[in-house]
PDB file of N, CA and C in Angstrom:
ATOM      1  N   MET A   1      33.489  -1.615 -32.956  1.00  0.00           N
ATOM      2  CA  MET A   1      33.896  -2.578 -31.957  1.00  0.00           C
ATOM      3  C   MET A   1      33.026  -3.823 -32.017  1.00  0.00           C
ATOM      4  N   GLY A   2      31.741  -3.663 -32.295  1.00  0.00           N
ATOM      5  CA  GLY A   2      30.828  -4.799 -32.335  1.00  0.00           C
ATOM      6  C   GLY A   2      31.154  -5.771 -33.448  1.00  0.00           C
ATOM      7  N   PHE A   3      31.635  -5.227 -34.576  1.00  0.00           N
ATOM      8  CA  PHE A   3      31.949  -6.092 -35.702  1.00  0.00           C
ATOM      9  C   PHE A   3      33.140  -6.995 -35.387  1.00  0.00           C
ATOM     10  N   SER A   4      34.124  -6.489 -34.659  1.00  0.00           N
ATOM     11  CA  SER A   4      35.290  -7.313 -34.323  1.00  0.00           C
ATOM     12  C   SER A   4      34.910  -8.448 -33.376  1.00  0.00           C
ATOM     13  N   VAL A   5      33.936  -8.220 -32.510  1.00  0.00           N
ATOM     14  CA  VAL A   5      33.460  -9.297 -31.624  1.00  0.00           C
ATOM     15  C   VAL A   5      32.811 -10.396 -32.462  1.00  0.00           C
ATOM     16  N   PHE A   6      31.999  -9.998 -33.423  1.00  0.00           N
ATOM     17  CA  PHE A   6      31.380 -10.990 -34.306  1.00  0.00           C
ATOM     18  C   PHE A   6      32.433 -11.734 -35.123  1.00  0.00           C
ATOM     19  N   LEU A   7      33.464 -11.036 -35.547  1.00  0.00           N
ATOM     20  CA  LEU A   7      34.522 -11.671 -36.330  1.00  0.00           C
ATOM     21  C   LEU A   7      35.250 -12.728 -35.509  1.00  0.00           C
ATOM     22  N   ILE A   8      35.512 -12.453 -34.250  1.00  0.00           N
ATOM     23  CA  ILE A   8      36.157 -13.433 -33.370  1.00  0.00           C
ATOM     24  C   ILE A   8      35.240 -14.628 -33.147  1.00  0.00           C
ATOM     25  N   LEU A   9      33.955 -14.377 -32.877  1.00  0.00           N
ATOM     26  CA  LEU A   9      33.009 -15.473 -32.664  1.00  0.00           C
ATOM     27  C   LEU A   9      32.857 -16.335 -33.912  1.00  0.00           C
ATOM     28  N   ILE A  10      32.811 -15.712 -35.080  1.00  0.00           N
ATOM     29  CA  ILE A  10      32.700 -16.465 -36.333  1.00  0.00           C
ATOM     30  C   ILE A  10      33.932 -17.339 -36.533  1.00  0.00           C
ATOM     31  N   THR A  11      35.101 -16.813 -36.211  1.00  0.00           N
ATOM     32  CA  THR A  11      36.336 -17.586 -36.351  1.00  0.00           C
ATOM     33  C   THR A  11      36.346 -18.793 -35.424  1.00  0.00           C
ATOM     34  N   VAL A  12      35.896 -18.613 -34.180  1.00  0.00           N
ATOM     35  CA  VAL A  12      35.848 -19.728 -33.220  1.00  0.00           C
ATOM     36  C   VAL A  12      34.858 -20.787 -33.677  1.00  0.00           C
ATOM     37  N   VAL A  13      33.684 -20.375 -34.139  1.00  0.00           N
ATOM     38  CA  VAL A  13      32.675 -21.331 -34.604  1.00  0.00           C
ATOM     39  C   VAL A  13      33.179 -22.078 -35.837  1.00  0.00           C
ATOM     40  N   CYS A  14      33.862 -21.387 -36.734  1.00  0.00           N
ATOM     41  CA  CYS A  14      34.423 -22.053 -37.923  1.00  0.00           C
ATOM     42  C   CYS A  14      35.463 -23.092 -37.522  1.00  0.00           C
ATOM     43  N   PHE A  15      36.319 -22.756 -36.577  1.00  0.00           N
ATOM     44  CA  PHE A  15      37.327 -23.714 -36.113  1.00  0.00           C
ATOM     45  C   PHE A  15      36.657 -24.942 -35.492  1.00  0.00           C
ATOM     46  N   LEU A  16      35.651 -24.728 -34.646  1.00  0.00           N
ATOM     47  CA  LEU A  16      34.941 -25.856 -34.027  1.00  0.00           C
ATOM     48  C   LEU A  16      34.229 -26.699 -35.085  1.00  0.00           C
ATOM     49  N   LEU A  17      33.657 -26.064 -36.075  1.00  0.00           N
ATOM     50  CA  LEU A  17      32.968 -26.785 -37.148  1.00  0.00           C
ATOM     51  C   LEU A  17      33.956 -27.633 -37.948  1.00  0.00           C
ATOM     52  N   ILE A  18      35.130 -27.103 -38.201  1.00  0.00           N
ATOM     53  CA  ILE A  18      36.151 -27.876 -38.909  1.00  0.00           C
ATOM     54  C   ILE A  18      36.565 -29.095 -38.088  1.00  0.00           C
ATOM     55  N   VAL A  19      36.748 -28.909 -36.787  1.00  0.00           N
ATOM     56  CA  VAL A  19      37.143 -30.024 -35.922  1.00  0.00           C
ATOM     57  C   VAL A  19      36.064 -31.101 -35.904  1.00  0.00           C
ATOM     58  N   VAL A  20      34.810 -30.701 -35.759  1.00  0.00           N
ATOM     59  CA  VAL A  20      33.711 -31.673 -35.706  1.00  0.00           C
ATOM     60  C   VAL A  20      33.594 -32.422 -37.027  1.00  0.00           C
ATOM     61  N   ILE A  21      33.752 -31.738 -38.131  1.00  0.00           N
ATOM     62  CA  ILE A  21      33.645 -32.395 -39.437  1.00  0.00           C
ATOM     63  C   ILE A  21      34.827 -33.333 -39.671  1.00  0.00           C
ATOM     64  N   MET A  22      36.019 -32.939 -39.236  1.00  0.00           N
ATOM     65  CA  MET A  22      37.189 -33.795 -39.439  1.00  0.00           C
ATOM     66  C   MET A  22      37.130 -35.065 -38.584  1.00  0.00           C
ATOM     67  N   VAL A  23      36.446 -35.034 -37.450  1.00  0.00           N
ATOM     68  CA  VAL A  23      36.325 -36.213 -36.593  1.00  0.00           C
ATOM     69  C   VAL A  23      35.411 -37.249 -37.243  1.00  0.00           C
ATOM     70  N   GLN A  24      34.442 -36.797 -38.013  1.00  0.00           N
ATOM     71  CA  GLN A  24      33.493 -37.712 -38.629  1.00  0.00           C
ATOM     72  C   GLN A  24      34.129 -38.448 -39.802  1.00  0.00           C
ATOM     73  N   ASN A  25      33.674 -39.659 -40.024  1.00  0.00           N
ATOM     74  CA  ASN A  25      34.136 -40.458 -41.157  1.00  0.00           C
ATOM     75  C   ASN A  25      33.250 -40.133 -42.358  1.00  0.00           C
ATOM     76  N   PRO A  26      33.810 -39.857 -43.518  1.00  0.00           N
ATOM     77  CA  PRO A  26      32.979 -39.485 -44.665  1.00  0.00           C
ATOM     78  C   PRO A  26      32.087 -40.611 -45.165  1.00  0.00           C
ATOM     79  N   LYS A  27      32.372 -41.859 -44.818  1.00  0.00           N
ATOM     80  CA  LYS A  27      31.548 -42.980 -45.279  1.00  0.00           C
ATOM     81  C   LYS A  27      30.459 -43.333 -44.282  1.00  0.00           C
ATOM     82  N   GLY A  28      30.270 -42.517 -43.274  1.00  0.00           N
ATOM     83  CA  GLY A  28      29.175 -42.733 -42.336  1.00  0.00           C
ATOM     84  C   GLY A  28      29.569 -43.493 -41.092  1.00  0.00           C
ATOM     85  N   GLY A  29      30.775 -44.010 -41.018  1.00  0.00           N
ATOM     86  CA  GLY A  29      31.179 -44.775 -39.849  1.00  0.00           C
ATOM     87  C   GLY A  29      31.491 -43.896 -38.665  1.00  0.00           C
ATOM     88  N   GLY A  30      32.185 -42.807 -38.906  1.00  0.00           N
ATOM     89  CA  GLY A  30      32.546 -41.881 -37.848  1.00  0.00           C
ATOM     90  C   GLY A  30      33.395 -42.558 -36.787  1.00  0.00           C
ATOM     91  N   LEU A  31      33.169 -42.200 -35.561  1.00  0.00           N
ATOM     92  CA  LEU A  31      33.906 -42.804 -34.460  1.00  0.00           C
ATOM     93  C   LEU A  31      33.491 -44.236 -34.211  1.00  0.00           C
ATOM     94  N   SER A  32      32.307 -44.617 -34.646  1.00  0.00           N
ATOM     95  CA  SER A  32      31.826 -45.974 -34.379  1.00  0.00           C
ATOM     96  C   SER A  32      32.662 -47.019 -35.112  1.00  0.00           C
ATOM     97  N   SER A  33      33.259 -46.673 -36.258  1.00  0.00           N
ATOM     98  CA  SER A  33      34.066 -47.640 -36.992  1.00  0.00           C
ATOM     99  C   SER A  33      35.350 -47.977 -36.248  1.00  0.00           C
ATOM    100  N   SER A  34      35.849 -47.072 -35.458  1.00  0.00           N
ATOM    101  CA  SER A  34      37.070 -47.351 -34.710  1.00  0.00           C
ATOM    102  C   SER A  34      36.800 -48.150 -33.443  1.00  0.00           C
ATOM    103  N   PHE A  35      35.550 -48.320 -33.083  1.00  0.00           N
ATOM    104  CA  PHE A  35      35.191 -49.085 -31.892  1.00  0.00           C
ATOM    105  C   PHE A  35      34.601 -50.437 -32.240  1.00  0.00           C
ATOM    106  N   GLY A  36      34.955 -51.016 -33.355  1.00  0.00           N
ATOM    107  CA  GLY A  36      34.511 -52.368 -33.643  1.00  0.00           C
ATOM    108  C   GLY A  36      33.623 -52.496 -34.853  1.00  0.00           C
ATOM    109  N   GLY A  37      33.801 -51.695 -35.847  1.00  0.00           N
ATOM    110  CA  GLY A  37      33.049 -51.852 -37.083  1.00  0.00           C
ATOM    111  C   GLY A  37      31.621 -51.395 -36.944  1.00  0.00           C
ATOM    112  N   THR A  38      30.678 -52.321 -37.251  1.00  0.00           N
ATOM    113  CA  THR A  38      29.268 -51.937 -37.256  1.00  0.00           C
ATOM    114  C   THR A  38      28.589 -52.188 -35.917  1.00  0.00           C
ATOM    115  N   GLN A  39      29.295 -52.717 -34.954  1.00  0.00           N
ATOM    116  CA  GLN A  39      28.687 -52.968 -33.646  1.00  0.00           C
ATOM    117  C   GLN A  39      28.470 -51.641 -32.934  1.00  0.00           C
ATOM    118  N   GLN A  40      27.362 -51.566 -32.231  1.00  0.00           N
ATOM    119  CA  GLN A  40      27.075 -50.375 -31.447  1.00  0.00           C
ATOM    120  C   GLN A  40      27.397 -50.685 -29.995  1.00  0.00           C
ATOM    121  N   ILE A  41      28.483 -50.132 -29.501  1.00  0.00           N
ATOM    122  CA  ILE A  41      28.930 -50.404 -28.141  1.00  0.00           C
ATOM    123  C   ILE A  41      28.638 -49.181 -27.286  1.00  0.00           C
ATOM    124  N   GLY A  42      27.893 -49.362 -26.247  1.00  0.00           N
ATOM    125  CA  GLY A  42      27.670 -48.323 -25.244  1.00  0.00           C
ATOM    126  C   GLY A  42      27.295 -46.979 -25.820  1.00  0.00           C
ATOM    127  N   GLY A  43      28.196 -45.997 -25.718  1.00  0.00           N
ATOM    128  CA  GLY A  43      27.890 -44.629 -26.096  1.00  0.00           C
ATOM    129  C   GLY A  43      28.338 -44.247 -27.479  1.00  0.00           C
ATOM    130  N   VAL A  44      28.707 -45.210 -28.309  1.00  0.00           N
ATOM    131  CA  VAL A  44      29.190 -44.860 -29.642  1.00  0.00           C
ATOM    132  C   VAL A  44      28.072 -44.274 -30.489  1.00  0.00           C
ATOM    133  N   GLN A  45      26.883 -44.837 -30.396  1.00  0.00           N
ATOM    134  CA  GLN A  45      25.752 -44.288 -31.151  1.00  0.00           C
ATOM    135  C   GLN A  45      25.439 -42.878 -30.675  1.00  0.00           C
ATOM    136  N   LYS A  46      25.547 -42.643 -29.376  1.00  0.00           N
ATOM    137  CA  LYS A  46      25.301 -41.306 -28.848  1.00  0.00           C
ATOM    138  C   LYS A  46      26.383 -40.335 -29.317  1.00  0.00           C
ATOM    139  N   THR A  47      27.609 -40.833 -29.463  1.00  0.00           N
ATOM    140  CA  THR A  47      28.687 -39.974 -29.959  1.00  0.00           C
ATOM    141  C   THR A  47      28.424 -39.570 -31.398  1.00  0.00           C
ATOM    142  N   THR A  48      27.974 -40.503 -32.209  1.00  0.00           N
ATOM    143  CA  THR A  48      27.648 -40.192 -33.606  1.00  0.00           C
ATOM    144  C   THR A  48      26.495 -39.202 -33.673  1.00  0.00           C
ATOM    145  N   ASP A  49      25.473 -39.406 -32.850  1.00  0.00           N
ATOM    146  CA  ASP A  49      24.359 -38.459 -32.808  1.00  0.00           C
ATOM    147  C   ASP A  49      24.831 -37.078 -32.350  1.00  0.00           C
ATOM    148  N   PHE A  50      25.731 -37.069 -31.358  1.00  0.00           N
ATOM    149  CA  PHE A  50      26.252 -35.792 -30.868  1.00  0.00           C
ATOM    150  C   PHE A  50      27.014 -35.058 -31.963  1.00  0.00           C
ATOM    151  N   LEU A  51      27.844 -35.784 -32.706  1.00  0.00           N
ATOM    152  CA  LEU A  51      28.610 -35.143 -33.780  1.00  0.00           C
ATOM    153  C   LEU A  51      27.693 -34.618 -34.879  1.00  0.00           C
ATOM    154  N   ASP A  52      26.656 -35.379 -35.190  1.00  0.00           N
ATOM    155  CA  ASP A  52      25.708 -34.947 -36.218  1.00  0.00           C
ATOM    156  C   ASP A  52      24.950 -33.702 -35.766  1.00  0.00           C
ATOM    157  N   LYS A  53      24.456 -33.728 -34.537  1.00  0.00           N
ATOM    158  CA  LYS A  53      23.714 -32.567 -34.020  1.00  0.00           C
ATOM    159  C   LYS A  53      24.617 -31.355 -33.839  1.00  0.00           C
ATOM    160  N   SER A  54      25.853 -31.584 -33.411  1.00  0.00           N
ATOM    161  CA  SER A  54      26.753 -30.448 -33.228  1.00  0.00           C
ATOM    162  C   SER A  54      27.146 -29.823 -34.568  1.00  0.00           C
ATOM    163  N   THR A  55      27.238 -30.637 -35.611  1.00  0.00           N
ATOM    164  CA  THR A  55      27.525 -30.086 -36.940  1.00  0.00           C
ATOM    165  C   THR A  55      26.403 -29.164 -37.387  1.00  0.00           C
ATOM    166  N   TRP A  56      25.175 -29.627 -37.254  1.00  0.00           N
ATOM    167  CA  TRP A  56      24.029 -28.797 -37.647  1.00  0.00           C
ATOM    168  C   TRP A  56      23.926 -27.548 -36.773  1.00  0.00           C
ATOM    169  N   THR A  57      24.133 -27.714 -35.466  1.00  0.00           N
ATOM    170  CA  THR A  57      24.027 -26.575 -34.550  1.00  0.00           C
ATOM    171  C   THR A  57      25.093 -25.532 -34.856  1.00  0.00           C
ATOM    172  N   LEU A  58      26.330 -25.977 -35.049  1.00  0.00           N
ATOM    173  CA  LEU A  58      27.399 -25.020 -35.360  1.00  0.00           C
ATOM    174  C   LEU A  58      27.167 -24.343 -36.703  1.00  0.00           C
ATOM    175  N   GLY A  59      26.620 -25.070 -37.670  1.00  0.00           N
ATOM    176  CA  GLY A  59      26.309 -24.462 -38.964  1.00  0.00           C
ATOM    177  C   GLY A  59      25.242 -23.388 -38.846  1.00  0.00           C
ATOM    178  N   ILE A  60      24.206 -23.673 -38.062  1.00  0.00           N
ATOM    179  CA  ILE A  60      23.137 -22.690 -37.859  1.00  0.00           C
ATOM    180  C   ILE A  60      23.653 -21.475 -37.088  1.00  0.00           C
ATOM    181  N   VAL A  61      24.484 -21.720 -36.069  1.00  0.00           N
ATOM    182  CA  VAL A  61      25.063 -20.621 -35.295  1.00  0.00           C
ATOM    183  C   VAL A  61      25.956 -19.761 -36.193  1.00  0.00           C
ATOM    184  N   LEU A  62      26.709 -20.405 -37.079  1.00  0.00           N
ATOM    185  CA  LEU A  62      27.580 -19.667 -37.997  1.00  0.00           C
ATOM    186  C   LEU A  62      26.768 -18.760 -38.921  1.00  0.00           C
ATOM    187  N   ILE A  63      25.704 -19.278 -39.482  1.00  0.00           N
ATOM    188  CA  ILE A  63      24.849 -18.464 -40.360  1.00  0.00           C
ATOM    189  C   ILE A  63      24.220 -17.312 -39.578  1.00  0.00           C
ATOM    190  N   GLY A  64      23.770 -17.597 -38.364  1.00  0.00           N
ATOM    191  CA  GLY A  64      23.193 -16.542 -37.526  1.00  0.00           C
ATOM    192  C   GLY A  64      24.196 -15.447 -37.200  1.00  0.00           C
ATOM    193  N   LEU A  65      25.433 -15.845 -36.864  1.00  0.00           N
ATOM    194  CA  LEU A  65      26.457 -14.850 -36.559  1.00  0.00           C
ATOM    195  C   LEU A  65      26.804 -14.005 -37.786  1.00  0.00           C
ATOM    196  N   ILE A  66      26.823 -14.626 -38.939  1.00  0.00           N
ATOM    197  CA  ILE A  66      27.120 -13.874 -40.159  1.00  0.00           C
ATOM    198  C   ILE A  66      26.025 -12.846 -40.430  1.00  0.00           C
ATOM    199  N   LEU A  67      24.768 -13.256 -40.254  1.00  0.00           N
ATOM    200  CA  LEU A  67      23.670 -12.311 -40.470  1.00  0.00           C
ATOM    201  C   LEU A  67      23.694 -11.179 -39.450  1.00  0.00           C
ATOM    202  N   LEU A  68      23.964 -11.515 -38.189  1.00  0.00           N
ATOM    203  CA  LEU A  68      24.023 -10.481 -37.159  1.00  0.00           C
ATOM    204  C   LEU A  68      25.215  -9.543 -37.367  1.00  0.00           C
ATOM    205  N   SER A  69      26.323 -10.093 -37.854  1.00  0.00           N
ATOM    206  CA  SER A  69      27.485  -9.232 -38.084  1.00  0.00           C
ATOM    207  C   SER A  69      27.236  -8.248 -39.222  1.00  0.00           C
ATOM    208  N   SER A  70      26.421  -8.651 -40.196  1.00  0.00           N
ATOM    209  CA  SER A  70      26.100  -7.709 -41.268  1.00  0.00           C
ATOM    210  C   SER A  70      25.268  -6.550 -40.737  1.00  0.00           C
ATOM    211  N   LEU A  71      24.432  -6.808 -39.746  1.00  0.00           N
ATOM    212  CA  LEU A  71      23.677  -5.712 -39.126  1.00  0.00           C
ATOM    213  C   LEU A  71      24.598  -4.802 -38.327  1.00  0.00           C
ATOM    214  N   ALA A  72      25.566  -5.392 -37.638  1.00  0.00           N
ATOM    215  CA  ALA A  72      26.509  -4.589 -36.862  1.00  0.00           C
ATOM    216  C   ALA A  72      27.434  -3.805 -37.778  1.00  0.00           C
ATOM    217  N   PHE A  73      27.752  -4.342 -38.941  1.00  0.00           N
ATOM    218  CA  PHE A  73      28.637  -3.675 -39.888  1.00  0.00           C
ATOM    219  C   PHE A  73      27.946  -2.479 -40.532  1.00  0.00           C
ATOM    220  N   ASN A  74      26.656  -2.577 -40.793  1.00  0.00           N
ATOM    221  CA  ASN A  74      25.922  -1.498 -41.465  1.00  0.00           C
ATOM    222  C   ASN A  74      25.448  -0.421 -40.502  1.00  0.00           C
ATOM    223  N   LYS A  75      25.542  -0.656 -39.210  1.00  0.00           N
ATOM    224  CA  LYS A  75      25.075   0.317 -38.224  1.00  0.00           C
ATOM    225  C   LYS A  75      26.075   1.478 -38.148  1.00  0.00           C
ATOM    226  N   PRO A  76      25.606   2.712 -38.299  1.00  0.00           N
ATOM    227  CA  PRO A  76      26.543   3.834 -38.232  1.00  0.00           C
ATOM    228  C   PRO A  76      27.071   4.020 -36.820  1.00  0.00           C
ATOM    229  N   ASP A  77      28.324   4.391 -36.727  1.00  0.00           N
ATOM    230  CA  ASP A  77      28.960   4.608 -35.432  1.00  0.00           C
ATOM    231  C   ASP A  77      28.687   6.041 -34.989  1.00  0.00           C
ATOM    232  N   ASN A  78      28.217   6.208 -33.771  1.00  0.00           N
ATOM    233  CA  ASN A  78      27.877   7.539 -33.276  1.00  0.00           C
ATOM    234  C   ASN A  78      29.109   8.365 -32.941  1.00  0.00           C
ATOM    235  N   ASN A  79      30.257   7.734 -32.766  1.00  0.00           N
ATOM    236  CA  ASN A  79      31.461   8.449 -32.376  1.00  0.00           C
ATOM    237  C   ASN A  79      32.200   9.056 -33.566  1.00  0.00           C
ATOM    238  N   VAL A  80      31.818   8.722 -34.762  1.00  0.00           N
ATOM    239  CA  VAL A  80      32.500   9.212 -35.945  1.00  0.00           C
ATOM    240  C   VAL A  80      31.904  10.556 -36.339  1.00  0.00           C
ATOM    241  N   SER A  81      32.768  11.554 -36.498  1.00  0.00           N
ATOM    242  CA  SER A  81      32.294  12.859 -36.952  1.00  0.00           C
ATOM    243  C   SER A  81      32.830  13.100 -38.358  1.00  0.00           C
ATOM    244  N   ILE A  82      32.012  13.706 -39.166  1.00  0.00           N
ATOM    245  CA  ILE A  82      32.374  13.974 -40.558  1.00  0.00           C
ATOM    246  C   ILE A  82      32.856  15.410 -40.654  1.00  0.00           C
ATOM    247  N   ASP A  83      34.049  15.593 -41.217  1.00  0.00           N
ATOM    248  CA  ASP A  83      34.618  16.917 -41.414  1.00  0.00           C
ATOM    249  C   ASP A  83      34.067  17.485 -42.715  1.00  0.00           C
ATOM    250  N   LYS A  84      33.237  18.512 -42.606  1.00  0.00           N
ATOM    251  CA  LYS A  84      32.593  19.087 -43.784  1.00  0.00           C
ATOM    252  C   LYS A  84      33.300  20.350 -44.268  1.00  0.00           C
ATOM    253  N   SER A  85      34.492  20.624 -43.778  1.00  0.00           N
ATOM    254  CA  SER A  85      35.179  21.851 -44.175  1.00  0.00           C
ATOM    255  C   SER A  85      35.693  21.779 -45.602  1.00  0.00           C
ATOM    256  N   ASN A  86      35.962  20.594 -46.120  1.00  0.00           N
ATOM    257  CA  ASN A  86      36.489  20.470 -47.482  1.00  0.00           C
ATOM    258  C   ASN A  86      35.407  20.229 -48.523  1.00  0.00           C
ATOM    259  N   VAL A  87      34.172  20.125 -48.109  1.00  0.00           N
ATOM    260  CA  VAL A  87      33.087  19.882 -49.047  1.00  0.00           C
ATOM    261  C   VAL A  87      32.692  21.203 -49.692  1.00  0.00           C
ATOM    262  N   PRO A  88      32.734  21.291 -51.019  1.00  0.00           N
ATOM    263  CA  PRO A  88      32.378  22.563 -51.674  1.00  0.00           C
ATOM    264  C   PRO A  88      30.884  22.834 -51.549  1.00  0.00           C
ATOM    265  N   THR A  89      30.566  24.087 -51.314  1.00  0.00           N
ATOM    266  CA  THR A  89      29.163  24.480 -51.244  1.00  0.00           C
ATOM    267  C   THR A  89      28.712  24.915 -52.631  1.00  0.00           C
ATOM    268  N   GLU A  90      27.465  25.253 -52.755  1.00  0.00           N
ATOM    269  CA  GLU A  90      26.895  25.646 -54.051  1.00  0.00           C
ATOM    270  C   GLU A  90      27.549  26.929 -54.559  1.00  0.00           C
ATOM    271  N   GLN A  91      27.973  27.833 -53.665  1.00  0.00           N
ATOM    272  CA  GLN A  91      28.541  29.109 -54.073  1.00  0.00           C
ATOM    273  C   GLN A  91      29.988  28.963 -54.534  1.00  0.00           C
ATOM    274  N   THR A  92      30.712  27.984 -54.044  1.00  0.00           N
ATOM    275  CA  THR A  92      32.130  27.863 -54.389  1.00  0.00           C
ATOM    276  C   THR A  92      32.374  26.977 -55.600  1.00  0.00           C
ATOM    277  N   LYS A  93      31.345  26.377 -56.130  1.00  0.00           N
ATOM    278  CA  LYS A  93      31.526  25.524 -57.304  1.00  0.00           C
ATOM    279  C   LYS A  93      31.785  26.378 -58.534  1.00  0.00           C
ATOM    280  N   THR A  94      32.707  25.949 -59.367  1.00  0.00           N
ATOM    281  CA  THR A  94      33.003  26.661 -60.608  1.00  0.00           C
ATOM    282  C   THR A  94      32.104  26.117 -61.711  1.00  0.00           C
ATOM    283  N   PRO A  95      31.687  26.990 -62.625  1.00  0.00           N
ATOM    284  CA  PRO A  95      30.814  26.505 -63.710  1.00  0.00           C
ATOM    285  C   PRO A  95      31.591  25.575 -64.636  1.00  0.00           C
ATOM    286  N   ALA A  96      30.882  24.679 -65.236  1.00  0.00           N
ATOM    287  CA  ALA A  96      31.504  23.732 -66.163  1.00  0.00           C
ATOM    288  C   ALA A  96      31.972  24.466 -67.411  1.00  0.00           C
ATOM    289  N   ALA A  97      33.122  24.061 -67.907  1.00  0.00           N
ATOM    290  CA  ALA A  97      33.678  24.705 -69.098  1.00  0.00           C
ATOM    291  C   ALA A  97      32.899  24.257 -70.323  1.00  0.00           C
ATOM    292  N   THR A  98      32.577  25.239 -71.185  1.00  0.00           N
ATOM    293  CA  THR A  98      31.860  24.914 -72.427  1.00  0.00           C
ATOM    294  C   THR A  98      32.880  24.807 -73.547  1.00  0.00           C
ATOM    295  N   PRO A  99      32.708  23.867 -74.436  1.00  0.00           N
ATOM    296  CA  PRO A  99      33.688  23.714 -75.524  1.00  0.00           C
ATOM    297  C   PRO A  99      33.599  24.878 -76.513  1.00  0.00           C
ATOM    298  N   ILE A 100      34.742  25.277 -77.014  1.00  0.00           N
ATOM    299  CA  ILE A 100      34.821  26.365 -77.992  1.00  0.00           C
ATOM    300  C   ILE A 100      34.705  25.760 -79.377  1.00  0.00           C
ATOM    301  N   PRO A 101      33.764  26.298 -80.202  1.00  0.00           N
ATOM    302  CA  PRO A 101      33.623  25.723 -81.549  1.00  0.00           C
ATOM    303  C   PRO A 101      34.855  25.995 -82.390  1.00  0.00           C
ATOM    304  N   VAL A 102      35.248  25.007 -83.143  1.00  0.00           N
ATOM    305  CA  VAL A 102      36.424  25.101 -84.005  1.00  0.00           C
ATOM    306  C   VAL A 102      35.954  25.330 -85.435  1.00  0.00           C
ATOM    307  N   ALA A 103      36.530  26.351 -86.079  1.00  0.00           N
ATOM    308  CA  ALA A 103      36.161  26.648 -87.475  1.00  0.00           C
ATOM    309  C   ALA A 103      36.847  25.646 -88.392  1.00  0.00           C
ATOM    310  N   GLU A 104      36.120  25.247 -89.408  1.00  0.00           N
ATOM    311  CA  GLU A 104      36.700  24.300 -90.381  1.00  0.00           C
ATOM    312  C   GLU A 104      37.539  25.049 -91.377  1.00  0.00           C
ATOM    313  N   ASP A 105      38.610  24.400 -91.863  1.00  0.00           N
ATOM    314  CA  ASP A 105      39.490  24.996 -92.877  1.00  0.00           C
ATOM    315  C   ASP A 105      38.826  24.881 -94.258  1.00  0.00           C
ATOM    316  N   PRO A 106      38.613  26.009 -94.929  1.00  0.00           N
ATOM    317  CA  PRO A 106      38.067  25.925 -96.286  1.00  0.00           C
ATOM    318  C   PRO A 106      39.177  25.494 -97.273  1.00  0.00           C
ATOM    319  N   LYS A 107      38.894  24.580 -98.120  1.00  0.00           N
ATOM    320  CA  LYS A 107      39.899  24.118 -99.090  1.00  0.00           C
ATOM    321  C   LYS A 107      39.457  24.356-100.486  1.00  0.00           C
TER     322      LYS A 107
END
């Protein structure tokens, strides 16, 4: 159950990371280019800083969730019982067959 929670959280963080990256301009302008080119108006610089910090934060959170999910995935579940009725014991094992030597034909 714990692994599925991590899987949902990882999916949400990935979606948010994609949205934040798609909002940014690849040439460095980002949202500030749509508000008048290189002029810094009011909160545009803060918006660019927010997008930059949120990208790094979401990336770090994503890596952390992946590492934590690997711990949850490797943890044995206490509710699972192993049926040992079909496992052969030492007494029920059959000995390995030995090859029979084949005589060569004399010519």
